Amino acid sequence: MVIHSRLNRLEQRVKPLQEEFEQKEKERRDKEKSFELINEIMEDRTGLGETGETYLIGTDLLMRTDSWREQESRVLKMEVDTESTKQWLENVQERD
């Protein structure tokens, strides 16, 4: 009886932790699916010709999506420091 009572108390302590873990895992999977969908949309090169591409960058100028030109992911590793991105960043900063 004592063992059963201790097991019940332990289950009561573990259950919220397990539920929290499962919720965070679901959120992680959902984010991963979102990134995959964004990459899929951004990798569609319809109408861009042989060399055209689209990609997303952040205000730190680091890539947020992959480039079809690169063999491995450059997300959050490659800075896109061009005249166009500098101009875009200036416009963003002016709006803030």
C-alpha atoms as a PDB file:
ATOM      1  CA  MET A   1       0.000   0.000   0.000  1.00  0.00           C
ATOM      2  CA  VAL A   2       2.834   2.392   0.846  1.00  0.00           C
ATOM      3  CA  ILE A   3       4.554   1.634  -2.451  1.00  0.00           C
ATOM      4  CA  HIS A   4       1.320   2.236  -4.357  1.00  0.00           C
ATOM      5  CA  SER A   5       0.855   5.586  -2.616  1.00  0.00           C
ATOM      6  CA  ARG A   6       4.428   6.651  -3.392  1.00  0.00           C
ATOM      7  CA  LEU A   7       4.005   5.641  -7.027  1.00  0.00           C
ATOM      8  CA  ASN A   8       0.846   7.732  -7.277  1.00  0.00           C
ATOM      9  CA  ARG A   9       2.623  10.767  -5.814  1.00  0.00           C
ATOM     10  CA  LEU A  10       5.537  10.246  -8.172  1.00  0.00           C
ATOM     11  CA  GLU A  11       3.183   9.975 -11.151  1.00  0.00           C
ATOM     12  CA  GLN A  12       1.499  13.216 -10.069  1.00  0.00           C
ATOM     13  CA  ARG A  13       4.875  14.968 -10.076  1.00  0.00           C
ATOM     14  CA  VAL A  14       6.044  13.471 -13.364  1.00  0.00           C
ATOM     15  CA  LYS A  15       2.830  13.951 -15.336  1.00  0.00           C
ATOM     16  CA  PRO A  16       3.057  17.765 -15.637  1.00  0.00           C
ATOM     17  CA  LEU A  17       6.702  17.493 -16.672  1.00  0.00           C
ATOM     18  CA  GLN A  18       5.839  14.895 -19.288  1.00  0.00           C
ATOM     19  CA  GLU A  19       2.981  17.040 -20.612  1.00  0.00           C
ATOM     20  CA  GLU A  20       5.277  20.087 -20.788  1.00  0.00           C
ATOM     21  CA  PHE A  21       7.908  18.061 -22.644  1.00  0.00           C
ATOM     22  CA  GLU A  22       5.326  16.738 -25.116  1.00  0.00           C
ATOM     23  CA  GLN A  23       3.993  20.268 -25.729  1.00  0.00           C
ATOM     24  CA  LYS A  24       7.496  21.657 -26.370  1.00  0.00           C
ATOM     25  CA  GLU A  25       8.276  18.748 -28.669  1.00  0.00           C
ATOM     26  CA  LYS A  26       5.067  19.433 -30.631  1.00  0.00           C
ATOM     27  CA  GLU A  27       5.986  23.133 -30.919  1.00  0.00           C
ATOM     28  CA  ARG A  28       9.479  22.184 -32.150  1.00  0.00           C
ATOM     29  CA  ARG A  29       8.014  19.864 -34.797  1.00  0.00           C
ATOM     30  CA  ASP A  30       5.543  22.555 -35.888  1.00  0.00           C
ATOM     31  CA  LYS A  31       8.358  25.111 -36.265  1.00  0.00           C
ATOM     32  CA  GLU A  32      10.416  22.609 -38.221  1.00  0.00           C
ATOM     33  CA  LYS A  33       7.497  22.012 -40.592  1.00  0.00           C
ATOM     34  CA  SER A  34       7.071  25.780 -41.001  1.00  0.00           C
ATOM     35  CA  PHE A  35      10.740  26.196 -41.917  1.00  0.00           C
ATOM     36  CA  GLU A  36      10.505  23.338 -44.391  1.00  0.00           C
ATOM     37  CA  LEU A  37       7.450  24.933 -46.024  1.00  0.00           C
ATOM     38  CA  ILE A  38       9.139  28.347 -46.206  1.00  0.00           C
ATOM     39  CA  ASN A  39      12.238  26.789 -47.783  1.00  0.00           C
ATOM     40  CA  GLU A  40      10.066  24.915 -50.277  1.00  0.00           C
ATOM     41  CA  ILE A  41       8.341  28.143 -51.320  1.00  0.00           C
ATOM     42  CA  MET A  42      11.603  30.076 -51.516  1.00  0.00           C
ATOM     43  CA  GLU A  43      13.311  27.358 -53.581  1.00  0.00           C
ATOM     44  CA  ASP A  44      10.673  27.573 -56.333  1.00  0.00           C
ATOM     45  CA  ARG A  45      12.624  29.184 -59.157  1.00  0.00           C
ATOM     46  CA  THR A  46       9.758  29.499 -61.621  1.00  0.00           C
ATOM     47  CA  GLY A  47      10.367  32.513 -63.839  1.00  0.00           C
ATOM     48  CA  LEU A  48      13.788  33.308 -62.379  1.00  0.00           C
ATOM     49  CA  GLY A  49      15.875  31.982 -65.265  1.00  0.00           C
ATOM     50  CA  GLU A  50      19.080  30.027 -64.836  1.00  0.00           C
ATOM     51  CA  THR A  51      20.749  32.209 -62.235  1.00  0.00           C
ATOM     52  CA  GLY A  52      17.915  33.871 -60.342  1.00  0.00           C
ATOM     53  CA  GLU A  53      17.122  32.992 -56.767  1.00  0.00           C
ATOM     54  CA  THR A  54      15.148  34.179 -53.783  1.00  0.00           C
ATOM     55  CA  TYR A  55      16.105  33.962 -50.156  1.00  0.00           C
ATOM     56  CA  LEU A  56      15.177  35.539 -46.862  1.00  0.00           C
ATOM     57  CA  ILE A  57      17.587  37.419 -44.636  1.00  0.00           C
ATOM     58  CA  GLY A  58      17.306  38.953 -41.186  1.00  0.00           C
ATOM     59  CA  THR A  59      18.266  42.434 -40.055  1.00  0.00           C
ATOM     60  CA  ASP A  60      21.668  40.985 -39.164  1.00  0.00           C
ATOM     61  CA  LEU A  61      21.976  40.201 -42.915  1.00  0.00           C
ATOM     62  CA  LEU A  62      22.302  36.479 -42.182  1.00  0.00           C
ATOM     63  CA  MET A  63      20.410  34.077 -44.432  1.00  0.00           C
ATOM     64  CA  ARG A  64      17.199  32.674 -43.015  1.00  0.00           C
ATOM     65  CA  THR A  65      16.554  30.289 -45.906  1.00  0.00           C
ATOM     66  CA  ASP A  66      18.855  28.091 -47.927  1.00  0.00           C
ATOM     67  CA  SER A  67      20.264  28.968 -51.330  1.00  0.00           C
ATOM     68  CA  TRP A  68      19.975  26.483 -54.183  1.00  0.00           C
ATOM     69  CA  ARG A  69      23.543  27.417 -55.096  1.00  0.00           C
ATOM     70  CA  GLU A  70      25.010  26.030 -51.878  1.00  0.00           C
ATOM     71  CA  GLN A  71      25.602  22.342 -51.172  1.00  0.00           C
ATOM     72  CA  GLU A  72      25.076  22.704 -47.422  1.00  0.00           C
ATOM     73  CA  SER A  73      22.859  24.956 -45.365  1.00  0.00           C
ATOM     74  CA  ARG A  74      24.049  28.511 -44.835  1.00  0.00           C
ATOM     75  CA  VAL A  75      21.122  29.493 -42.635  1.00  0.00           C
ATOM     76  CA  LEU A  76      22.377  31.813 -39.877  1.00  0.00           C
ATOM     77  CA  LYS A  77      25.932  31.269 -41.175  1.00  0.00           C
ATOM     78  CA  MET A  78      26.179  33.279 -44.384  1.00  0.00           C
ATOM     79  CA  GLU A  79      25.967  37.063 -44.414  1.00  0.00           C
ATOM     80  CA  VAL A  80      24.461  38.638 -47.538  1.00  0.00           C
ATOM     81  CA  ASP A  81      26.241  41.973 -47.572  1.00  0.00           C
ATOM     82  CA  THR A  82      25.259  43.543 -50.904  1.00  0.00           C
ATOM     83  CA  GLU A  83      24.108  46.984 -51.977  1.00  0.00           C
ATOM     84  CA  SER A  84      20.537  45.668 -52.235  1.00  0.00           C
ATOM     85  CA  THR A  85      20.530  44.205 -48.737  1.00  0.00           C
ATOM     86  CA  LYS A  86      22.108  47.365 -47.273  1.00  0.00           C
ATOM     87  CA  GLN A  87      19.406  49.471 -48.929  1.00  0.00           C
ATOM     88  CA  TRP A  88      16.705  47.131 -47.643  1.00  0.00           C
ATOM     89  CA  LEU A  89      18.144  47.323 -44.122  1.00  0.00           C
ATOM     90  CA  GLU A  90      18.201  51.123 -44.234  1.00  0.00           C
ATOM     91  CA  ASN A  91      14.513  51.122 -45.232  1.00  0.00           C
ATOM     92  CA  VAL A  92      13.646  48.743 -42.407  1.00  0.00           C
ATOM     93  CA  GLN A  93      15.528  50.835 -39.861  1.00  0.00           C
ATOM     94  CA  GLU A  94      13.827  54.025 -41.076  1.00  0.00           C
ATOM     95  CA  ARG A  95      10.416  52.462 -40.437  1.00  0.00           C
ATOM     96  CA  ASP A  96      11.317  51.515 -36.853  1.00  0.00           C
END
